[in-house]
């Protein structure tokens, strides 16, 4: 597409999104929820076409020698489509955050001040291989009164387009602007650059969902605020007081339930105090299940199939069936390792020692910390938020799963009775 044509296209998309955002900010809960439920029905009704389009995307990805992790993120089946539909219905069932009074107080002069939730405006989402992001992001933006501009990766364009049609049909059924959720209709990479520039002030926030190179580019070049995380280098620490059966189950699930999600564990830390009893069984479980283990000298000694770990392994987000493993001297050493190498995403401690657990939970500075639970619970849906637009490792505005409430800002509404300032 010629540069002039692309610029005109993206400018029109930005203008349409800004107009739709104004309409959505005034829309009531009933209309937004009706659109979401109608879109869920369309996902179910059009599942055959969605799967057909997804099969074509998968075929192209395989021909391009895509990794197993990418194919897993890209692939859809009946269960995943049903999960998307249920996700839209779950979001519809959430309270409407817009207009919620989060605080109220009265000043001595009689002024009544309220802090009230409002939408952010227009949210641009740039993502790669997961077509389900089309449904999740569009639905969360709609529920929170924001217009969305979605730009999917070329590998998922057919699947994402099919899903987007369902959202548009839902908007039309509820008599809401069909431009409230737009999918950029080109895979031209220059479209991303225009979004990063803010589309002449039309985009208020950007959310990147994808690999490290995409997120780095967005953070480096964006001229508008960005919500998201760069990497998900997540840890499971098995404490000396861990129940072995529980530890084995949590470690295996954290790493292998889905290796391509950002909440998958990438590093295993095992307390020296239980290494004699816990290390070999846990490592054996992982390797027998097809996971490559890269370990320090004490882990290497536990199983001849372990490969030596390098310094880079402690910093790596594999998004694949690979995990780095190290023996550490207690909970403080585990906390220190995470502080040095972690990405502030999600960390879990497995222990029956309440004091050790509380020390870990209070001192690990990550967006999500868990006790006796899999890191794969790092998900807005699992948090009861209906879904998420991503996981944020930022320390301002939003942190952790970014759901409906996190896609809002606030304003102050002040009511008086004639007061003037002396």
Foldseek 3Di string as FASTA:
>chain_A
DDPVVLLVLLLVLLVLQQVLLVVLQPDDLVLLLQLLLQLLVLLLVCVVQLQVLLVVLLVVCVVVVHDPLLSVQQDDDPVNSNLLSVLSNLLSPDDQQFQDFPDWDADPQGKIKTKGWTFLEEEEEEEERHLSLLSQVLSQCSSLSYAYEYEYAPSNLSNNVSSLVSSLVSSVVSVRDSSSYHYPPDNPPVSVLCVLAVSVVSHAEYEYYYALVRVVVSVVRHPHHYFAFNAQAEEEEEFLQFDQVLVLVQLCCLAPVQLQDSLRHAEYEYEPNCCVPRLLVSVVSLVVVPAAEAEDPSSCVSDVRHHHDDPVSLQDSDSDRYHYYYYAHGLVRVLVSCVVRNRQAEYEYGHPDPVSQVCNVVRRRHLYYYYSHHSVCQFCVSVSQSGASHAGRDPPQDHGGHGNSSSIDIDMDMDDDDDDDD
